[in-house]
Amino acid sequence: MKETNLHLFYKFGQAVGTFYDRISVEKKIIELVSELIETQAALAGFLRDTEDYKLLLKDTRASAQAMLDQINKIIESAKFEQERLITQAEVGTVLSCKWDMEGNFEREERNLDVFTVTPKGIYNTHLLIENPELKFPEKIRATLPPQMLYDLKQAGRCLAFEIPTACAFHVCRGTEAVMLAYYELLAKHPWSFRKKDWKIYIEQLIKERAPKQITNRLEEIRGLDRNAYVHPDINVTIEESPLLFELCSGVVTSMGLEMGKLTP
């Protein structure tokens, strides 16, 4: 997934429009140097920044490339003939490319999807999508296992895009990864039990004398029927997923602080 940069299209259209207004037959190239260079940069930037959309904007990009080729030729000739006049053929080619490009874009822009992600509580939407781990202090992030960081990013995106059941699944799975890492630090050996679920994790953390505030909170989350979050017949609501996201984030913070004390 890639966010569509609407400003890219605005700047591109602005540069091409200005050039269209200025170009005319029998105008000296030197009078158009500024517009030529700006339009050249806009076209090159458009082609570069829409590379990921090349299948969606195939004809638009072809028209833009044709227009860029023509402008490159004019700029190249200006190195030796700055005082020469723009010819009818050059103006015709540029305008033809512009009209083709506009028609193609009007048809193909429907292939582009632009979504506005509404805020979720107090979260910065872009951080929730790209860097949800920044909700934790750096010293806690350093203790979190890779699986937690992966699932946290997935959970943040699912929360932002209102996919609540997937959000619940990932945030709970990530919390499990922290529970396991915390247990292994307390026990000073890898997990040796055949079974892996929240109930046995909590039991073993209690045996290893993890603080009650942590085990009680984990038990509280488990009491929400955590297994339902991965059951195919249960759907989590949009209202429930932020609550679970925060509950898990809070207990992960507590475990991370304790893990920091146990790490040399």
C-alpha atoms as a PDB file:
ATOM      1  CA  MET A   1       0.000   0.000   0.000  1.00  0.00           C
ATOM      2  CA  LYS A   2       1.218   3.472  -0.862  1.00  0.00           C
ATOM      3  CA  GLU A   3      -0.333   6.770   0.121  1.00  0.00           C
ATOM      4  CA  THR A   4      -1.366   8.795  -2.927  1.00  0.00           C
ATOM      5  CA  ASN A   5       0.356  12.174  -2.843  1.00  0.00           C
ATOM      6  CA  LEU A   6      -2.277  14.580  -4.123  1.00  0.00           C
ATOM      7  CA  HIS A   7       0.155  17.510  -3.965  1.00  0.00           C
ATOM      8  CA  LEU A   8       2.260  15.754  -6.608  1.00  0.00           C
ATOM      9  CA  PHE A   9      -0.601  16.016  -9.115  1.00  0.00           C
ATOM     10  CA  TYR A  10      -1.349  19.603  -8.132  1.00  0.00           C
ATOM     11  CA  LYS A  11       2.248  20.752  -8.678  1.00  0.00           C
ATOM     12  CA  PHE A  12       2.465  18.805 -11.905  1.00  0.00           C
ATOM     13  CA  GLY A  13      -0.718  20.354 -13.292  1.00  0.00           C
ATOM     14  CA  GLN A  14       0.350  23.816 -12.154  1.00  0.00           C
ATOM     15  CA  ALA A  15       3.698  23.612 -13.977  1.00  0.00           C
ATOM     16  CA  VAL A  16       2.191  22.243 -17.192  1.00  0.00           C
ATOM     17  CA  GLY A  17      -0.627  24.814 -17.082  1.00  0.00           C
ATOM     18  CA  THR A  18       1.795  27.709 -16.690  1.00  0.00           C
ATOM     19  CA  PHE A  19       3.879  26.464 -19.594  1.00  0.00           C
ATOM     20  CA  TYR A  20       0.749  26.093 -21.727  1.00  0.00           C
ATOM     21  CA  ASP A  21      -0.206  29.700 -21.025  1.00  0.00           C
ATOM     22  CA  ARG A  22       3.252  30.993 -21.956  1.00  0.00           C
ATOM     23  CA  ILE A  23       4.235  29.011 -25.020  1.00  0.00           C
ATOM     24  CA  SER A  24       3.354  30.427 -28.437  1.00  0.00           C
ATOM     25  CA  VAL A  25       4.658  30.467 -31.984  1.00  0.00           C
ATOM     26  CA  GLU A  26       7.494  32.873 -32.744  1.00  0.00           C
ATOM     27  CA  LYS A  27       8.378  33.457 -29.098  1.00  0.00           C
ATOM     28  CA  LYS A  28      12.114  33.311 -28.412  1.00  0.00           C
ATOM     29  CA  ILE A  29      13.375  30.247 -26.529  1.00  0.00           C
ATOM     30  CA  ILE A  30      15.264  32.488 -24.099  1.00  0.00           C
ATOM     31  CA  GLU A  31      11.918  33.973 -23.033  1.00  0.00           C
ATOM     32  CA  LEU A  32      10.684  30.526 -22.023  1.00  0.00           C
ATOM     33  CA  VAL A  33      13.778  29.148 -20.289  1.00  0.00           C
ATOM     34  CA  SER A  34      12.269  29.347 -16.813  1.00  0.00           C
ATOM     35  CA  GLU A  35       8.998  27.659 -17.827  1.00  0.00           C
ATOM     36  CA  LEU A  36      10.830  25.024 -19.865  1.00  0.00           C
ATOM     37  CA  ILE A  37      13.051  24.043 -16.938  1.00  0.00           C
ATOM     38  CA  GLU A  38      10.171  24.033 -14.438  1.00  0.00           C
ATOM     39  CA  THR A  39       8.006  21.906 -16.724  1.00  0.00           C
ATOM     40  CA  GLN A  40      10.909  19.548 -17.429  1.00  0.00           C
ATOM     41  CA  ALA A  41      11.418  19.058 -13.673  1.00  0.00           C
ATOM     42  CA  ALA A  42       7.680  18.602 -13.081  1.00  0.00           C
ATOM     43  CA  LEU A  43       7.351  15.975 -15.818  1.00  0.00           C
ATOM     44  CA  ALA A  44      10.461  14.085 -14.685  1.00  0.00           C
ATOM     45  CA  GLY A  45       9.245  14.194 -11.064  1.00  0.00           C
ATOM     46  CA  PHE A  46       5.788  13.009 -12.084  1.00  0.00           C
ATOM     47  CA  LEU A  47       7.222  10.034 -13.975  1.00  0.00           C
ATOM     48  CA  ARG A  48       9.555   9.187 -11.100  1.00  0.00           C
ATOM     49  CA  ASP A  49       6.938   9.482  -8.367  1.00  0.00           C
ATOM     50  CA  THR A  50       4.245   7.554 -10.247  1.00  0.00           C
ATOM     51  CA  GLU A  51       6.474   4.565 -11.009  1.00  0.00           C
ATOM     52  CA  ASP A  52       4.395   2.460  -8.601  1.00  0.00           C
ATOM     53  CA  TYR A  53       1.266   3.468 -10.533  1.00  0.00           C
ATOM     54  CA  LYS A  54       2.629   2.632 -13.974  1.00  0.00           C
ATOM     55  CA  LEU A  55      -0.027  -0.017 -14.603  1.00  0.00           C
ATOM     56  CA  LEU A  56      -2.798   2.301 -13.403  1.00  0.00           C
ATOM     57  CA  LEU A  57      -1.604   5.391 -15.312  1.00  0.00           C
ATOM     58  CA  LYS A  58      -0.085   3.700 -18.341  1.00  0.00           C
ATOM     59  CA  ASP A  59      -1.349   6.085 -21.031  1.00  0.00           C
ATOM     60  CA  THR A  60      -0.989   9.196 -18.865  1.00  0.00           C
ATOM     61  CA  ARG A  61       2.649   8.379 -18.194  1.00  0.00           C
ATOM     62  CA  ALA A  62       3.247   7.685 -21.901  1.00  0.00           C
ATOM     63  CA  SER A  63       1.861  11.138 -22.775  1.00  0.00           C
ATOM     64  CA  ALA A  64       3.956  12.749 -20.047  1.00  0.00           C
ATOM     65  CA  GLN A  65       7.073  11.009 -21.374  1.00  0.00           C
ATOM     66  CA  ALA A  66       6.324  12.194 -24.917  1.00  0.00           C
ATOM     67  CA  MET A  67       5.926  15.764 -23.693  1.00  0.00           C
ATOM     68  CA  LEU A  68       9.130  15.512 -21.661  1.00  0.00           C
ATOM     69  CA  ASP A  69      11.024  14.223 -24.715  1.00  0.00           C
ATOM     70  CA  GLN A  70       9.857  17.206 -26.753  1.00  0.00           C
ATOM     71  CA  ILE A  71      10.778  19.716 -24.038  1.00  0.00           C
ATOM     72  CA  ASN A  72      14.187  18.069 -23.653  1.00  0.00           C
ATOM     73  CA  LYS A  73      14.784  18.609 -27.366  1.00  0.00           C
ATOM     74  CA  ILE A  74      13.834  22.282 -27.123  1.00  0.00           C
ATOM     75  CA  ILE A  75      16.067  22.793 -24.079  1.00  0.00           C
ATOM     76  CA  GLU A  76      18.954  21.010 -25.785  1.00  0.00           C
ATOM     77  CA  SER A  77      18.638  23.237 -28.867  1.00  0.00           C
ATOM     78  CA  ALA A  78      18.557  26.310 -26.626  1.00  0.00           C
ATOM     79  CA  LYS A  79      22.180  25.654 -25.671  1.00  0.00           C
ATOM     80  CA  PHE A  80      23.165  26.772 -29.151  1.00  0.00           C
ATOM     81  CA  GLU A  81      20.208  28.887 -30.359  1.00  0.00           C
ATOM     82  CA  GLN A  82      18.762  30.822 -27.439  1.00  0.00           C
ATOM     83  CA  GLU A  83      17.558  33.608 -29.686  1.00  0.00           C
ATOM     84  CA  ARG A  84      15.748  31.373 -32.147  1.00  0.00           C
ATOM     85  CA  LEU A  85      11.970  31.318 -32.273  1.00  0.00           C
ATOM     86  CA  ILE A  86       9.775  28.439 -31.165  1.00  0.00           C
ATOM     87  CA  THR A  87       8.396  26.783 -34.271  1.00  0.00           C
ATOM     88  CA  GLN A  88       4.804  25.895 -35.104  1.00  0.00           C
ATOM     89  CA  ALA A  89       5.746  22.213 -35.136  1.00  0.00           C
ATOM     90  CA  GLU A  90       7.270  22.401 -31.630  1.00  0.00           C
ATOM     91  CA  VAL A  91       4.246  24.182 -30.190  1.00  0.00           C
ATOM     92  CA  GLY A  92       1.899  21.730 -31.925  1.00  0.00           C
ATOM     93  CA  THR A  93       3.729  18.701 -30.558  1.00  0.00           C
ATOM     94  CA  VAL A  94       3.810  20.064 -26.986  1.00  0.00           C
ATOM     95  CA  LEU A  95       0.121  21.008 -27.035  1.00  0.00           C
ATOM     96  CA  SER A  96      -0.854  17.668 -28.572  1.00  0.00           C
ATOM     97  CA  CYS A  97       0.983  15.832 -25.773  1.00  0.00           C
ATOM     98  CA  LYS A  98      -0.717  18.038 -23.183  1.00  0.00           C
ATOM     99  CA  TRP A  99      -4.193  17.365 -24.552  1.00  0.00           C
ATOM    100  CA  ASP A 100      -3.482  13.631 -24.804  1.00  0.00           C
ATOM    101  CA  MET A 101      -2.186  13.634 -21.235  1.00  0.00           C
ATOM    102  CA  GLU A 102      -5.264  15.433 -19.901  1.00  0.00           C
ATOM    103  CA  GLY A 103      -7.623  13.046 -21.669  1.00  0.00           C
ATOM    104  CA  ASN A 104      -5.720   9.994 -20.528  1.00  0.00           C
ATOM    105  CA  PHE A 105      -5.511  11.218 -16.943  1.00  0.00           C
ATOM    106  CA  GLU A 106      -9.219  12.042 -16.836  1.00  0.00           C
ATOM    107  CA  ARG A 107      -9.886   8.432 -17.807  1.00  0.00           C
ATOM    108  CA  GLU A 108      -7.194   6.725 -15.741  1.00  0.00           C
ATOM    109  CA  GLU A 109      -7.345   8.750 -12.512  1.00  0.00           C
ATOM    110  CA  ARG A 110     -10.405   6.670 -11.596  1.00  0.00           C
ATOM    111  CA  ASN A 111      -7.997   3.770 -11.085  1.00  0.00           C
ATOM    112  CA  LEU A 112      -6.352   5.584  -8.159  1.00  0.00           C
ATOM    113  CA  ASP A 113      -7.791   5.129  -4.686  1.00  0.00           C
ATOM    114  CA  VAL A 114      -7.398   7.972  -2.196  1.00  0.00           C
ATOM    115  CA  PHE A 115      -8.532   7.323   1.351  1.00  0.00           C
ATOM    116  CA  THR A 116      -8.722   9.651   4.323  1.00  0.00           C
ATOM    117  CA  VAL A 117      -7.958   7.761   7.522  1.00  0.00           C
ATOM    118  CA  THR A 118      -9.948   9.339  10.331  1.00  0.00           C
ATOM    119  CA  PRO A 119      -8.266   9.872  13.750  1.00  0.00           C
ATOM    120  CA  LYS A 120      -8.491   7.067  16.298  1.00  0.00           C
ATOM    121  CA  GLY A 121      -8.723   8.576  19.759  1.00  0.00           C
ATOM    122  CA  ILE A 122      -5.619  10.543  20.689  1.00  0.00           C
ATOM    123  CA  TYR A 123      -3.379   8.764  18.195  1.00  0.00           C
ATOM    124  CA  ASN A 124      -1.537  10.514  15.414  1.00  0.00           C
ATOM    125  CA  THR A 125      -2.831   8.627  12.370  1.00  0.00           C
ATOM    126  CA  HIS A 126       0.494   8.500  10.506  1.00  0.00           C
ATOM    127  CA  LEU A 127       2.342   7.264  13.600  1.00  0.00           C
ATOM    128  CA  LEU A 128      -0.351   4.662  14.229  1.00  0.00           C
ATOM    129  CA  ILE A 129       0.145   3.341  10.698  1.00  0.00           C
ATOM    130  CA  GLU A 130       3.915   3.657  10.349  1.00  0.00           C
ATOM    131  CA  ASN A 131       5.502   3.756  13.824  1.00  0.00           C
ATOM    132  CA  PRO A 132       3.138   2.585  16.579  1.00  0.00           C
ATOM    133  CA  GLU A 133       6.152   1.397  18.603  1.00  0.00           C
ATOM    134  CA  LEU A 134       6.905   5.050  19.336  1.00  0.00           C
ATOM    135  CA  LYS A 135       4.075   4.959  21.876  1.00  0.00           C
ATOM    136  CA  PHE A 136       6.616   3.196  24.123  1.00  0.00           C
ATOM    137  CA  PRO A 137       9.684   4.914  25.611  1.00  0.00           C
ATOM    138  CA  GLU A 138      12.965   3.969  23.950  1.00  0.00           C
ATOM    139  CA  LYS A 139      14.164   1.932  26.933  1.00  0.00           C
ATOM    140  CA  ILE A 140      11.043  -0.236  26.684  1.00  0.00           C
ATOM    141  CA  ARG A 141      11.259  -0.611  22.913  1.00  0.00           C
ATOM    142  CA  ALA A 142      14.743  -2.053  23.386  1.00  0.00           C
ATOM    143  CA  THR A 143      13.297  -4.930  25.447  1.00  0.00           C
ATOM    144  CA  LEU A 144      10.506  -5.870  23.038  1.00  0.00           C
ATOM    145  CA  PRO A 145      11.021  -9.007  20.914  1.00  0.00           C
ATOM    146  CA  PRO A 146      10.847  -8.683  17.100  1.00  0.00           C
ATOM    147  CA  GLN A 147       7.536 -10.572  17.016  1.00  0.00           C
ATOM    148  CA  MET A 148       5.933  -7.958  19.263  1.00  0.00           C
ATOM    149  CA  LEU A 149       7.212  -5.086  17.106  1.00  0.00           C
ATOM    150  CA  TYR A 150       5.887  -6.803  14.002  1.00  0.00           C
ATOM    151  CA  ASP A 151       2.460  -7.500  15.483  1.00  0.00           C
ATOM    152  CA  LEU A 152       2.246  -4.030  17.006  1.00  0.00           C
ATOM    153  CA  LYS A 153       2.725  -2.461  13.576  1.00  0.00           C
ATOM    154  CA  GLN A 154       0.060  -4.734  12.100  1.00  0.00           C
ATOM    155  CA  ALA A 155      -2.302  -3.980  14.991  1.00  0.00           C
ATOM    156  CA  GLY A 156      -1.754  -0.229  14.602  1.00  0.00           C
ATOM    157  CA  ARG A 157      -2.587  -0.356  10.910  1.00  0.00           C
ATOM    158  CA  CYS A 158      -5.647  -2.504  11.521  1.00  0.00           C
ATOM    159  CA  LEU A 159      -6.844  -0.058  14.178  1.00  0.00           C
ATOM    160  CA  ALA A 160      -6.282   2.917  11.856  1.00  0.00           C
ATOM    161  CA  PHE A 161      -8.102   1.288   8.962  1.00  0.00           C
ATOM    162  CA  GLU A 162     -10.929  -0.010  11.163  1.00  0.00           C
ATOM    163  CA  ILE A 163     -10.241  -3.751  10.909  1.00  0.00           C
ATOM    164  CA  PRO A 164     -10.974  -4.470  14.588  1.00  0.00           C
ATOM    165  CA  THR A 165     -10.812  -8.273  14.706  1.00  0.00           C
ATOM    166  CA  ALA A 166      -7.412  -8.297  13.005  1.00  0.00           C
ATOM    167  CA  CYS A 167      -6.255  -5.535  15.379  1.00  0.00           C
ATOM    168  CA  ALA A 168      -7.253  -7.685  18.362  1.00  0.00           C
ATOM    169  CA  PHE A 169      -5.532 -10.746  16.937  1.00  0.00           C
ATOM    170  CA  HIS A 170      -2.221  -8.963  16.345  1.00  0.00           C
ATOM    171  CA  VAL A 171      -2.086  -6.999  19.595  1.00  0.00           C
ATOM    172  CA  CYS A 172      -2.843 -10.153  21.607  1.00  0.00           C
ATOM    173  CA  ARG A 173      -0.299 -12.212  19.705  1.00  0.00           C
ATOM    174  CA  GLY A 174       2.302  -9.496  20.206  1.00  0.00           C
ATOM    175  CA  THR A 175       1.553  -9.412  23.927  1.00  0.00           C
ATOM    176  CA  GLU A 176       2.059 -13.186  24.044  1.00  0.00           C
ATOM    177  CA  ALA A 177       5.522 -12.702  22.559  1.00  0.00           C
ATOM    178  CA  VAL A 178       6.384 -10.275  25.389  1.00  0.00           C
ATOM    179  CA  MET A 179       4.959 -12.634  28.017  1.00  0.00           C
ATOM    180  CA  LEU A 180       7.173 -15.419  26.701  1.00  0.00           C
ATOM    181  CA  ALA A 181      10.283 -13.222  26.616  1.00  0.00           C
ATOM    182  CA  TYR A 182       9.562 -11.943  30.124  1.00  0.00           C
ATOM    183  CA  TYR A 183       9.104 -15.479  31.469  1.00  0.00           C
ATOM    184  CA  GLU A 184      12.397 -16.631  29.956  1.00  0.00           C
ATOM    185  CA  LEU A 185      14.225 -13.730  31.608  1.00  0.00           C
ATOM    186  CA  LEU A 186      12.655 -14.528  34.974  1.00  0.00           C
ATOM    187  CA  ALA A 187      13.200 -18.289  34.690  1.00  0.00           C
ATOM    188  CA  LYS A 188      16.652 -17.897  33.122  1.00  0.00           C
ATOM    189  CA  HIS A 189      15.886 -20.628  30.569  1.00  0.00           C
ATOM    190  CA  PRO A 190      13.778 -21.043  27.418  1.00  0.00           C
ATOM    191  CA  TRP A 191      10.127 -22.023  27.591  1.00  0.00           C
ATOM    192  CA  SER A 192      10.046 -25.777  28.169  1.00  0.00           C
ATOM    193  CA  PHE A 193       6.324 -26.464  28.345  1.00  0.00           C
ATOM    194  CA  ARG A 194       4.581 -28.108  25.444  1.00  0.00           C
ATOM    195  CA  LYS A 195       1.492 -25.933  25.748  1.00  0.00           C
ATOM    196  CA  LYS A 196       1.432 -22.221  24.900  1.00  0.00           C
ATOM    197  CA  ASP A 197      -1.537 -20.072  25.852  1.00  0.00           C
ATOM    198  CA  TRP A 198      -2.337 -17.104  28.073  1.00  0.00           C
ATOM    199  CA  LYS A 199      -3.460 -19.272  31.011  1.00  0.00           C
ATOM    200  CA  ILE A 200      -0.195 -21.177  31.336  1.00  0.00           C
ATOM    201  CA  TYR A 201       1.907 -18.068  30.640  1.00  0.00           C
ATOM    202  CA  ILE A 202       0.191 -16.270  33.513  1.00  0.00           C
ATOM    203  CA  GLU A 203       0.519 -19.308  35.814  1.00  0.00           C
ATOM    204  CA  GLN A 204       4.231 -19.559  35.150  1.00  0.00           C
ATOM    205  CA  LEU A 205       4.789 -15.809  35.549  1.00  0.00           C
ATOM    206  CA  ILE A 206       3.096 -16.034  38.944  1.00  0.00           C
ATOM    207  CA  LYS A 207       5.372 -18.943  39.900  1.00  0.00           C
ATOM    208  CA  GLU A 208       8.375 -16.864  38.856  1.00  0.00           C
ATOM    209  CA  ARG A 209       7.105 -14.051  41.126  1.00  0.00           C
ATOM    210  CA  ALA A 210       6.244 -11.528  38.464  1.00  0.00           C
ATOM    211  CA  PRO A 211       4.593  -8.451  40.048  1.00  0.00           C
ATOM    212  CA  LYS A 212       0.893  -8.903  40.763  1.00  0.00           C
ATOM    213  CA  GLN A 213       0.044  -5.720  38.878  1.00  0.00           C
ATOM    214  CA  ILE A 214       1.301  -7.446  35.724  1.00  0.00           C
ATOM    215  CA  THR A 215      -0.257 -10.871  36.247  1.00  0.00           C
ATOM    216  CA  ASN A 216      -3.559  -9.338  37.403  1.00  0.00           C
ATOM    217  CA  ARG A 217      -3.708  -7.144  34.307  1.00  0.00           C
ATOM    218  CA  LEU A 218      -2.918 -10.107  32.043  1.00  0.00           C
ATOM    219  CA  GLU A 219      -5.650 -12.087  33.772  1.00  0.00           C
ATOM    220  CA  GLU A 220      -8.031  -9.184  33.232  1.00  0.00           C
ATOM    221  CA  ILE A 221      -7.289  -9.197  29.496  1.00  0.00           C
ATOM    222  CA  ARG A 222      -7.651 -12.972  29.380  1.00  0.00           C
ATOM    223  CA  GLY A 223     -10.982 -12.561  31.145  1.00  0.00           C
ATOM    224  CA  LEU A 224     -12.236 -10.637  28.121  1.00  0.00           C
ATOM    225  CA  ASP A 225     -12.314 -14.074  26.449  1.00  0.00           C
ATOM    226  CA  ARG A 226      -9.089 -13.510  24.562  1.00  0.00           C
ATOM    227  CA  ASN A 227      -9.538 -16.802  22.697  1.00  0.00           C
ATOM    228  CA  ALA A 228     -12.604 -15.345  21.007  1.00  0.00           C
ATOM    229  CA  TYR A 229     -10.355 -12.878  19.201  1.00  0.00           C
ATOM    230  CA  VAL A 230      -8.892 -15.636  17.070  1.00  0.00           C
ATOM    231  CA  HIS A 231     -12.080 -17.692  16.796  1.00  0.00           C
ATOM    232  CA  PRO A 232     -13.617 -17.639  13.308  1.00  0.00           C
ATOM    233  CA  ASP A 233     -17.146 -17.179  14.677  1.00  0.00           C
ATOM    234  CA  ILE A 234     -16.381 -14.094  16.793  1.00  0.00           C
ATOM    235  CA  ASN A 235     -15.976 -10.554  15.482  1.00  0.00           C
ATOM    236  CA  VAL A 236     -14.480  -7.726  17.520  1.00  0.00           C
ATOM    237  CA  THR A 237     -16.263  -4.396  17.275  1.00  0.00           C
ATOM    238  CA  ILE A 238     -14.682  -1.062  16.371  1.00  0.00           C
ATOM    239  CA  GLU A 239     -15.464   0.088  19.906  1.00  0.00           C
ATOM    240  CA  GLU A 240     -13.712  -2.908  21.516  1.00  0.00           C
ATOM    241  CA  SER A 241     -10.460  -2.883  19.535  1.00  0.00           C
ATOM    242  CA  PRO A 242      -9.059   0.447  20.883  1.00  0.00           C
ATOM    243  CA  LEU A 243      -9.784  -0.751  24.444  1.00  0.00           C
ATOM    244  CA  LEU A 244      -7.891  -3.987  23.901  1.00  0.00           C
ATOM    245  CA  PHE A 245      -5.080  -2.128  22.120  1.00  0.00           C
ATOM    246  CA  GLU A 246      -4.654   0.132  25.166  1.00  0.00           C
ATOM    247  CA  LEU A 247      -4.944  -2.666  27.724  1.00  0.00           C
ATOM    248  CA  CYS A 248      -2.269  -4.690  25.972  1.00  0.00           C
ATOM    249  CA  SER A 249      -0.053  -1.630  25.473  1.00  0.00           C
ATOM    250  CA  GLY A 250      -0.267  -0.869  29.188  1.00  0.00           C
ATOM    251  CA  VAL A 251       0.718  -4.333  30.355  1.00  0.00           C
ATOM    252  CA  VAL A 252       3.468  -4.519  27.713  1.00  0.00           C
ATOM    253  CA  THR A 253       4.860  -1.292  29.155  1.00  0.00           C
ATOM    254  CA  SER A 254       4.874  -2.819  32.655  1.00  0.00           C
ATOM    255  CA  MET A 255       6.556  -6.011  31.429  1.00  0.00           C
ATOM    256  CA  GLY A 256       9.075  -3.987  29.433  1.00  0.00           C
ATOM    257  CA  LEU A 257      10.069  -2.006  32.531  1.00  0.00           C
ATOM    258  CA  GLU A 258      10.597  -5.216  34.506  1.00  0.00           C
ATOM    259  CA  MET A 259      12.508  -6.825  31.633  1.00  0.00           C
ATOM    260  CA  GLY A 260      14.805  -3.798  31.543  1.00  0.00           C
ATOM    261  CA  LYS A 261      15.699  -4.441  35.190  1.00  0.00           C
ATOM    262  CA  LEU A 262      16.580  -8.057  34.391  1.00  0.00           C
ATOM    263  CA  THR A 263      18.699  -7.282  31.343  1.00  0.00           C
ATOM    264  CA  PRO A 264      22.405  -6.574  32.034  1.00  0.00           C
END
